[in-house]
Amino acid sequence: MISVIIPAYNEEASITACLQSLCNQTLPRDEYEIIVVDGNSKDSTRELAGEYADEVFIQASKKVGGARNDGILRARGEIVATTDADCIIPPEWLEVIKNDFATYDIAQLYGIVYPIEKGIKNWLSLAGANNFSRLGYYTHTLYYTLGCNTAFDRETFIRVGMYRCIDAGDDLEIARRIRKVGRVKFDSRMRVGFSMRRYRQFGTMKSLYEWFYIISRGGESSRYTYSKRNYK
């Protein structure tokens, strides 16, 4: 059993497509569960999610890392995978995860992202991020494990203390702790369609600046609200 955890907040415009893609996996549906952890949305996110997910509940912990933790603690799977409510998941995603965990002795697995929206600028932006992931992995200097496309051995994840409940960088920080007790693997076949809406609405440079600003201050900042935002 693989458990897929999806944090969501006011995602009525995106969550149906995300969950439909998850229900269209090459892995049989009885081999995985879908858990949506809702940040007390003010729209119809929970109702829409309930049509596809095995479980939908309101998060008790703070921030997006806390939502993922809440979901993983409720999960039944030995493997837990995380993605975001505005992502589109290719059909082979869970099969790649299952096969990698069966083949390799790993504690965490992550992959690459591609833009859902068309445009050369979007492709170039994420090509840079993917090359950064590859460089960090193969030089053993940084594990750029995005929360929208990563999977864990559930027992190991809980044992190292789970995600920190911070504003940004929780998905990079967890890999450093996982690496101390087990192997972290990168697989470029593990791909997820990534929404560029943050960068289109708020600007690429501004969004990256905010992210780096928060990371440089240990992942927390009262100056920027990076995770919970309303999108047009």
C-alpha atoms as a PDB file:
ATOM      1  CA  MET A   1       0.000   0.000   0.000  1.00  0.00           C
ATOM      2  CA  ILE A   2       1.186   3.475  -0.948  1.00  0.00           C
ATOM      3  CA  SER A   3      -0.452   6.483   0.721  1.00  0.00           C
ATOM      4  CA  VAL A   4      -0.565   9.752  -1.236  1.00  0.00           C
ATOM      5  CA  ILE A   5      -0.810  12.882   0.929  1.00  0.00           C
ATOM      6  CA  ILE A   6      -2.105  16.145  -0.559  1.00  0.00           C
ATOM      7  CA  PRO A   7      -2.260  19.386   1.451  1.00  0.00           C
ATOM      8  CA  ALA A   8      -4.927  21.748   0.141  1.00  0.00           C
ATOM      9  CA  TYR A   9      -6.219  25.242   0.849  1.00  0.00           C
ATOM     10  CA  ASN A  10      -8.898  26.928  -1.285  1.00  0.00           C
ATOM     11  CA  GLU A  11      -8.057  24.683  -4.234  1.00  0.00           C
ATOM     12  CA  GLU A  12     -11.496  24.228  -5.821  1.00  0.00           C
ATOM     13  CA  ALA A  13     -10.124  25.317  -9.205  1.00  0.00           C
ATOM     14  CA  SER A  14      -7.314  22.754  -9.253  1.00  0.00           C
ATOM     15  CA  ILE A  15      -7.965  19.801  -6.989  1.00  0.00           C
ATOM     16  CA  THR A  16     -10.358  17.877  -9.232  1.00  0.00           C
ATOM     17  CA  ALA A  17      -7.819  17.622 -12.068  1.00  0.00           C
ATOM     18  CA  CYS A  18      -5.116  16.608  -9.600  1.00  0.00           C
ATOM     19  CA  LEU A  19      -7.212  13.857  -8.039  1.00  0.00           C
ATOM     20  CA  GLN A  20      -8.475  12.597 -11.391  1.00  0.00           C
ATOM     21  CA  SER A  21      -4.873  12.172 -12.512  1.00  0.00           C
ATOM     22  CA  LEU A  22      -4.123  10.257  -9.324  1.00  0.00           C
ATOM     23  CA  CYS A  23      -7.099   7.977  -9.922  1.00  0.00           C
ATOM     24  CA  ASN A  24      -5.762   7.241 -13.419  1.00  0.00           C
ATOM     25  CA  GLN A  25      -2.537   5.527 -12.373  1.00  0.00           C
ATOM     26  CA  THR A  26      -1.114   2.358 -13.924  1.00  0.00           C
ATOM     27  CA  LEU A  27      -0.992   0.936 -10.404  1.00  0.00           C
ATOM     28  CA  PRO A  28      -4.288  -0.755  -9.431  1.00  0.00           C
ATOM     29  CA  ARG A  29      -6.481   1.527  -7.317  1.00  0.00           C
ATOM     30  CA  ASP A  30      -6.584  -0.931  -4.418  1.00  0.00           C
ATOM     31  CA  GLU A  31      -2.801  -0.657  -4.046  1.00  0.00           C
ATOM     32  CA  TYR A  32      -2.851   2.992  -2.988  1.00  0.00           C
ATOM     33  CA  GLU A  33      -4.918   5.440  -0.976  1.00  0.00           C
ATOM     34  CA  ILE A  34      -5.409   9.188  -1.409  1.00  0.00           C
ATOM     35  CA  ILE A  35      -5.560  11.445   1.637  1.00  0.00           C
ATOM     36  CA  VAL A  36      -6.377  15.159   1.331  1.00  0.00           C
ATOM     37  CA  VAL A  37      -5.467  17.324   4.321  1.00  0.00           C
ATOM     38  CA  ASP A  38      -7.393  20.567   4.096  1.00  0.00           C
ATOM     39  CA  GLY A  39      -6.277  23.836   5.675  1.00  0.00           C
ATOM     40  CA  ASN A  40      -9.872  24.788   6.562  1.00  0.00           C
ATOM     41  CA  SER A  41     -10.700  26.012   3.062  1.00  0.00           C
ATOM     42  CA  LYS A  42     -13.413  28.606   2.568  1.00  0.00           C
ATOM     43  CA  ASP A  43     -14.454  27.227  -0.817  1.00  0.00           C
ATOM     44  CA  SER A  44     -15.637  23.795  -1.998  1.00  0.00           C
ATOM     45  CA  THR A  45     -12.233  22.079  -1.824  1.00  0.00           C
ATOM     46  CA  ARG A  46     -13.300  19.445   0.713  1.00  0.00           C
ATOM     47  CA  GLU A  47     -16.510  18.583  -1.118  1.00  0.00           C
ATOM     48  CA  LEU A  48     -14.727  18.180  -4.443  1.00  0.00           C
ATOM     49  CA  ALA A  49     -11.922  16.153  -2.873  1.00  0.00           C
ATOM     50  CA  GLY A  50     -14.426  13.831  -1.241  1.00  0.00           C
ATOM     51  CA  GLU A  51     -15.516  12.571  -4.661  1.00  0.00           C
ATOM     52  CA  TYR A  52     -12.094  11.008  -5.301  1.00  0.00           C
ATOM     53  CA  ALA A  53     -10.060  10.767  -2.104  1.00  0.00           C
ATOM     54  CA  ASP A  54     -10.244   7.929   0.402  1.00  0.00           C
ATOM     55  CA  GLU A  55     -10.042  10.396   3.283  1.00  0.00           C
ATOM     56  CA  VAL A  56     -10.448  14.173   3.628  1.00  0.00           C
ATOM     57  CA  PHE A  57      -9.965  15.990   6.911  1.00  0.00           C
ATOM     58  CA  ILE A  58      -9.008  19.404   8.287  1.00  0.00           C
ATOM     59  CA  GLN A  59      -5.394  19.719   9.386  1.00  0.00           C
ATOM     60  CA  ALA A  60      -4.532  20.111  13.052  1.00  0.00           C
ATOM     61  CA  SER A  61      -0.867  21.109  12.707  1.00  0.00           C
ATOM     62  CA  LYS A  62       0.496  24.377  11.363  1.00  0.00           C
ATOM     63  CA  LYS A  63       1.605  25.172   7.820  1.00  0.00           C
ATOM     64  CA  VAL A  64       2.090  22.898   4.832  1.00  0.00           C
ATOM     65  CA  GLY A  65       4.666  20.693   6.546  1.00  0.00           C
ATOM     66  CA  GLY A  66       2.222  20.138   9.381  1.00  0.00           C
ATOM     67  CA  ALA A  67      -0.519  19.204   6.923  1.00  0.00           C
ATOM     68  CA  ARG A  68       1.743  16.576   5.370  1.00  0.00           C
ATOM     69  CA  ASN A  69       2.639  15.273   8.829  1.00  0.00           C
ATOM     70  CA  ASP A  70      -1.036  14.996   9.767  1.00  0.00           C
ATOM     71  CA  GLY A  71      -1.751  13.007   6.630  1.00  0.00           C
ATOM     72  CA  ILE A  72       1.212  10.674   7.029  1.00  0.00           C
ATOM     73  CA  LEU A  73       0.255   9.909  10.621  1.00  0.00           C
ATOM     74  CA  ARG A  74      -3.191   8.818   9.344  1.00  0.00           C
ATOM     75  CA  ALA A  75      -1.740   6.850   6.416  1.00  0.00           C
ATOM     76  CA  ARG A  76      -1.968   3.073   6.148  1.00  0.00           C
ATOM     77  CA  GLY A  77       0.821   2.645   3.611  1.00  0.00           C
ATOM     78  CA  GLU A  78       4.388   1.590   4.328  1.00  0.00           C
ATOM     79  CA  ILE A  79       5.359   4.052   1.589  1.00  0.00           C
ATOM     80  CA  VAL A  80       4.010   7.619   1.719  1.00  0.00           C
ATOM     81  CA  ALA A  81       4.155  10.005  -1.233  1.00  0.00           C
ATOM     82  CA  THR A  82       3.441  13.733  -1.185  1.00  0.00           C
ATOM     83  CA  THR A  83       2.254  16.066  -3.896  1.00  0.00           C
ATOM     84  CA  ASP A  84       0.324  19.346  -4.161  1.00  0.00           C
ATOM     85  CA  ALA A  85      -3.304  20.032  -5.000  1.00  0.00           C
ATOM     86  CA  ASP A  86      -2.439  22.053  -8.120  1.00  0.00           C
ATOM     87  CA  CYS A  87      -0.205  19.352  -9.633  1.00  0.00           C
ATOM     88  CA  ILE A  88      -1.014  16.885 -12.412  1.00  0.00           C
ATOM     89  CA  ILE A  89       0.343  13.382 -11.845  1.00  0.00           C
ATOM     90  CA  PRO A  90       1.444  11.232 -14.831  1.00  0.00           C
ATOM     91  CA  PRO A  91      -0.083   7.708 -14.932  1.00  0.00           C
ATOM     92  CA  GLU A  92       3.179   5.893 -14.136  1.00  0.00           C
ATOM     93  CA  TRP A  93       4.105   7.998 -11.088  1.00  0.00           C
ATOM     94  CA  LEU A  94       3.068   5.531  -8.391  1.00  0.00           C
ATOM     95  CA  GLU A  95       4.406   2.558 -10.329  1.00  0.00           C
ATOM     96  CA  VAL A  96       7.839   4.196 -10.484  1.00  0.00           C
ATOM     97  CA  ILE A  97       7.693   4.811  -6.731  1.00  0.00           C
ATOM     98  CA  LYS A  98       6.629   1.247  -5.982  1.00  0.00           C
ATOM     99  CA  ASN A  99       9.332  -0.301  -8.185  1.00  0.00           C
ATOM    100  CA  ASP A 100      12.121   1.902  -6.815  1.00  0.00           C
ATOM    101  CA  PHE A 101      11.291   1.076  -3.210  1.00  0.00           C
ATOM    102  CA  ALA A 102      11.103  -2.626  -4.110  1.00  0.00           C
ATOM    103  CA  THR A 103      14.418  -2.525  -6.007  1.00  0.00           C
ATOM    104  CA  TYR A 104      16.590  -0.282  -3.850  1.00  0.00           C
ATOM    105  CA  ASP A 105      17.181   0.007  -0.122  1.00  0.00           C
ATOM    106  CA  ILE A 106      16.020   3.613   0.166  1.00  0.00           C
ATOM    107  CA  ALA A 107      14.393   5.849   2.760  1.00  0.00           C
ATOM    108  CA  GLN A 108      13.388   8.722   0.455  1.00  0.00           C
ATOM    109  CA  LEU A 109      12.786   9.093  -3.276  1.00  0.00           C
ATOM    110  CA  TYR A 110      12.332  12.242  -5.357  1.00  0.00           C
ATOM    111  CA  GLY A 111      12.188  13.314  -8.975  1.00  0.00           C
ATOM    112  CA  ILE A 112      11.668  16.213 -11.357  1.00  0.00           C
ATOM    113  CA  VAL A 113       8.886  18.615 -12.336  1.00  0.00           C
ATOM    114  CA  TYR A 114       7.597  19.953 -15.654  1.00  0.00           C
ATOM    115  CA  PRO A 115       5.274  22.936 -16.205  1.00  0.00           C
ATOM    116  CA  ILE A 116       1.570  22.366 -16.701  1.00  0.00           C
ATOM    117  CA  GLU A 117       1.250  25.700 -18.476  1.00  0.00           C
ATOM    118  CA  LYS A 118       2.742  26.133 -21.935  1.00  0.00           C
ATOM    119  CA  GLY A 119       5.538  28.553 -22.763  1.00  0.00           C
ATOM    120  CA  ILE A 120       9.296  28.444 -23.212  1.00  0.00           C
ATOM    121  CA  LYS A 121       9.842  30.625 -20.140  1.00  0.00           C
ATOM    122  CA  ASN A 122       8.092  28.068 -17.946  1.00  0.00           C
ATOM    123  CA  TRP A 123      10.069  25.195 -19.427  1.00  0.00           C
ATOM    124  CA  LEU A 124      13.369  27.031 -18.974  1.00  0.00           C
ATOM    125  CA  SER A 125      12.547  27.920 -15.373  1.00  0.00           C
ATOM    126  CA  LEU A 126      11.851  24.319 -14.406  1.00  0.00           C
ATOM    127  CA  ALA A 127      14.722  22.963 -16.507  1.00  0.00           C
ATOM    128  CA  GLY A 128      16.981  25.055 -14.300  1.00  0.00           C
ATOM    129  CA  ALA A 129      15.372  23.641 -11.165  1.00  0.00           C
ATOM    130  CA  ASN A 130      15.687  20.076 -12.451  1.00  0.00           C
ATOM    131  CA  ASN A 131      19.349  20.520 -13.358  1.00  0.00           C
ATOM    132  CA  PHE A 132      19.898  21.951  -9.870  1.00  0.00           C
ATOM    133  CA  SER A 133      18.320  18.767  -8.472  1.00  0.00           C
ATOM    134  CA  ARG A 134      20.582  16.557 -10.571  1.00  0.00           C
ATOM    135  CA  LEU A 135      23.719  18.522  -9.711  1.00  0.00           C
ATOM    136  CA  GLY A 136      23.003  18.423  -5.998  1.00  0.00           C
ATOM    137  CA  TYR A 137      22.250  14.716  -6.042  1.00  0.00           C
ATOM    138  CA  TYR A 138      25.219  13.528  -8.080  1.00  0.00           C
ATOM    139  CA  THR A 139      27.674  15.735  -6.191  1.00  0.00           C
ATOM    140  CA  HIS A 140      26.124  14.725  -2.842  1.00  0.00           C
ATOM    141  CA  THR A 141      25.897  18.387  -1.826  1.00  0.00           C
ATOM    142  CA  LEU A 142      22.124  19.067  -1.767  1.00  0.00           C
ATOM    143  CA  TYR A 143      18.969  16.996  -2.024  1.00  0.00           C
ATOM    144  CA  TYR A 144      16.389  19.248  -3.680  1.00  0.00           C
ATOM    145  CA  THR A 145      13.414  17.137  -2.652  1.00  0.00           C
ATOM    146  CA  LEU A 146      10.331  19.154  -3.518  1.00  0.00           C
ATOM    147  CA  GLY A 147       7.247  18.367  -1.456  1.00  0.00           C
ATOM    148  CA  CYS A 148       5.164  18.094  -4.631  1.00  0.00           C
ATOM    149  CA  ASN A 149       7.159  15.067  -5.804  1.00  0.00           C
ATOM    150  CA  THR A 150       8.721  12.980  -3.066  1.00  0.00           C
ATOM    151  CA  ALA A 151       8.114   9.670  -1.288  1.00  0.00           C
ATOM    152  CA  PHE A 152       9.300   8.198   1.994  1.00  0.00           C
ATOM    153  CA  ASP A 153       9.541   4.999   3.909  1.00  0.00           C
ATOM    154  CA  ARG A 154       6.867   5.929   6.443  1.00  0.00           C
ATOM    155  CA  GLU A 155       8.589   4.399   9.466  1.00  0.00           C
ATOM    156  CA  THR A 156      11.858   6.219   8.749  1.00  0.00           C
ATOM    157  CA  PHE A 157      10.049   9.510   8.118  1.00  0.00           C
ATOM    158  CA  ILE A 158       8.351   9.361  11.512  1.00  0.00           C
ATOM    159  CA  ARG A 159      11.509   8.205  13.266  1.00  0.00           C
ATOM    160  CA  VAL A 160      13.545  11.237  12.127  1.00  0.00           C
ATOM    161  CA  GLY A 161      10.889  13.659  13.369  1.00  0.00           C
ATOM    162  CA  MET A 162       8.793  14.337  10.226  1.00  0.00           C
ATOM    163  CA  TYR A 163       8.574  17.719   8.492  1.00  0.00           C
ATOM    164  CA  ARG A 164       9.390  20.891  10.377  1.00  0.00           C
ATOM    165  CA  CYS A 165       6.360  23.205  10.464  1.00  0.00           C
ATOM    166  CA  ILE A 166       8.050  26.204   8.844  1.00  0.00           C
ATOM    167  CA  ASP A 167       7.153  28.691   6.103  1.00  0.00           C
ATOM    168  CA  ALA A 168       9.481  27.348   3.402  1.00  0.00           C
ATOM    169  CA  GLY A 169      12.312  24.875   2.956  1.00  0.00           C
ATOM    170  CA  ASP A 170      10.774  22.057   4.962  1.00  0.00           C
ATOM    171  CA  ASP A 171      11.031  19.777   1.931  1.00  0.00           C
ATOM    172  CA  LEU A 172      14.798  20.395   1.646  1.00  0.00           C
ATOM    173  CA  GLU A 173      15.505  20.204   5.359  1.00  0.00           C
ATOM    174  CA  ILE A 174      13.849  16.798   5.824  1.00  0.00           C
ATOM    175  CA  ALA A 175      16.244  15.211   3.302  1.00  0.00           C
ATOM    176  CA  ARG A 176      19.264  16.180   5.413  1.00  0.00           C
ATOM    177  CA  ARG A 177      17.857  14.269   8.372  1.00  0.00           C
ATOM    178  CA  ILE A 178      16.720  11.308   6.287  1.00  0.00           C
ATOM    179  CA  ARG A 179      20.212  11.092   4.749  1.00  0.00           C
ATOM    180  CA  LYS A 180      21.732  10.484   8.179  1.00  0.00           C
ATOM    181  CA  VAL A 181      19.781   7.250   8.671  1.00  0.00           C
ATOM    182  CA  GLY A 182      19.158   5.951   5.151  1.00  0.00           C
ATOM    183  CA  ARG A 183      19.613   6.450   1.421  1.00  0.00           C
ATOM    184  CA  VAL A 184      17.969   9.289  -0.496  1.00  0.00           C
ATOM    185  CA  LYS A 185      17.515   8.471  -4.197  1.00  0.00           C
ATOM    186  CA  PHE A 186      16.801  10.678  -7.220  1.00  0.00           C
ATOM    187  CA  ASP A 187      14.922   9.225 -10.222  1.00  0.00           C
ATOM    188  CA  SER A 188      14.190  11.434 -13.233  1.00  0.00           C
ATOM    189  CA  ARG A 189      11.394   9.048 -14.283  1.00  0.00           C
ATOM    190  CA  MET A 190       9.451  10.230 -11.244  1.00  0.00           C
ATOM    191  CA  ARG A 191       7.834  13.285 -12.841  1.00  0.00           C
ATOM    192  CA  VAL A 192       5.037  15.630 -11.757  1.00  0.00           C
ATOM    193  CA  GLY A 193       3.229  18.386 -13.650  1.00  0.00           C
ATOM    194  CA  PHE A 194       3.881  21.591 -11.697  1.00  0.00           C
ATOM    195  CA  SER A 195       1.675  24.686 -11.789  1.00  0.00           C
ATOM    196  CA  MET A 196       3.458  27.955 -12.529  1.00  0.00           C
ATOM    197  CA  ARG A 197       0.573  30.039 -11.162  1.00  0.00           C
ATOM    198  CA  ARG A 198       2.604  31.513  -8.279  1.00  0.00           C
ATOM    199  CA  TYR A 199       5.207  32.855 -10.680  1.00  0.00           C
ATOM    200  CA  ARG A 200       2.624  34.079 -13.197  1.00  0.00           C
ATOM    201  CA  GLN A 201       0.614  35.967 -10.572  1.00  0.00           C
ATOM    202  CA  PHE A 202       3.318  37.227  -8.231  1.00  0.00           C
ATOM    203  CA  GLY A 203       6.351  37.218 -10.561  1.00  0.00           C
ATOM    204  CA  THR A 204       9.205  34.742 -10.863  1.00  0.00           C
ATOM    205  CA  MET A 205      11.928  36.942  -9.379  1.00  0.00           C
ATOM    206  CA  LYS A 206       9.747  38.125  -6.490  1.00  0.00           C
ATOM    207  CA  SER A 207       8.674  34.569  -5.643  1.00  0.00           C
ATOM    208  CA  LEU A 208      12.241  33.277  -5.741  1.00  0.00           C
ATOM    209  CA  TYR A 209      13.442  36.215  -3.642  1.00  0.00           C
ATOM    210  CA  GLU A 210      10.804  35.494  -0.998  1.00  0.00           C
ATOM    211  CA  TRP A 211      11.746  31.808  -0.946  1.00  0.00           C
ATOM    212  CA  PHE A 212      15.465  32.504  -0.552  1.00  0.00           C
ATOM    213  CA  TYR A 213      14.747  35.201   2.034  1.00  0.00           C
ATOM    214  CA  ILE A 214      12.775  32.750   4.172  1.00  0.00           C
ATOM    215  CA  ILE A 215      15.323  29.942   3.709  1.00  0.00           C
ATOM    216  CA  SER A 216      18.163  32.231   4.772  1.00  0.00           C
ATOM    217  CA  ARG A 217      16.307  32.865   8.032  1.00  0.00           C
ATOM    218  CA  GLY A 218      15.876  29.238   8.932  1.00  0.00           C
ATOM    219  CA  GLY A 219      12.595  28.708   7.104  1.00  0.00           C
ATOM    220  CA  GLU A 220      10.422  31.153   9.043  1.00  0.00           C
ATOM    221  CA  SER A 221       9.501  34.758   8.383  1.00  0.00           C
ATOM    222  CA  SER A 222       6.806  37.181   9.500  1.00  0.00           C
ATOM    223  CA  ARG A 223       7.529  39.322   6.449  1.00  0.00           C
ATOM    224  CA  TYR A 224       6.176  36.975   3.767  1.00  0.00           C
ATOM    225  CA  THR A 225       3.295  34.514   3.631  1.00  0.00           C
ATOM    226  CA  TYR A 226       4.672  31.933   1.235  1.00  0.00           C
ATOM    227  CA  SER A 227       2.468  28.853   1.545  1.00  0.00           C
ATOM    228  CA  LYS A 228      -1.170  29.929   2.069  1.00  0.00           C
ATOM    229  CA  ARG A 229      -2.183  32.212  -0.755  1.00  0.00           C
ATOM    230  CA  ASN A 230      -5.266  32.839  -2.804  1.00  0.00           C
ATOM    231  CA  TYR A 231      -4.721  32.540  -6.542  1.00  0.00           C
ATOM    232  CA  LYS A 232      -6.682  34.183  -9.320  1.00  0.00           C
END
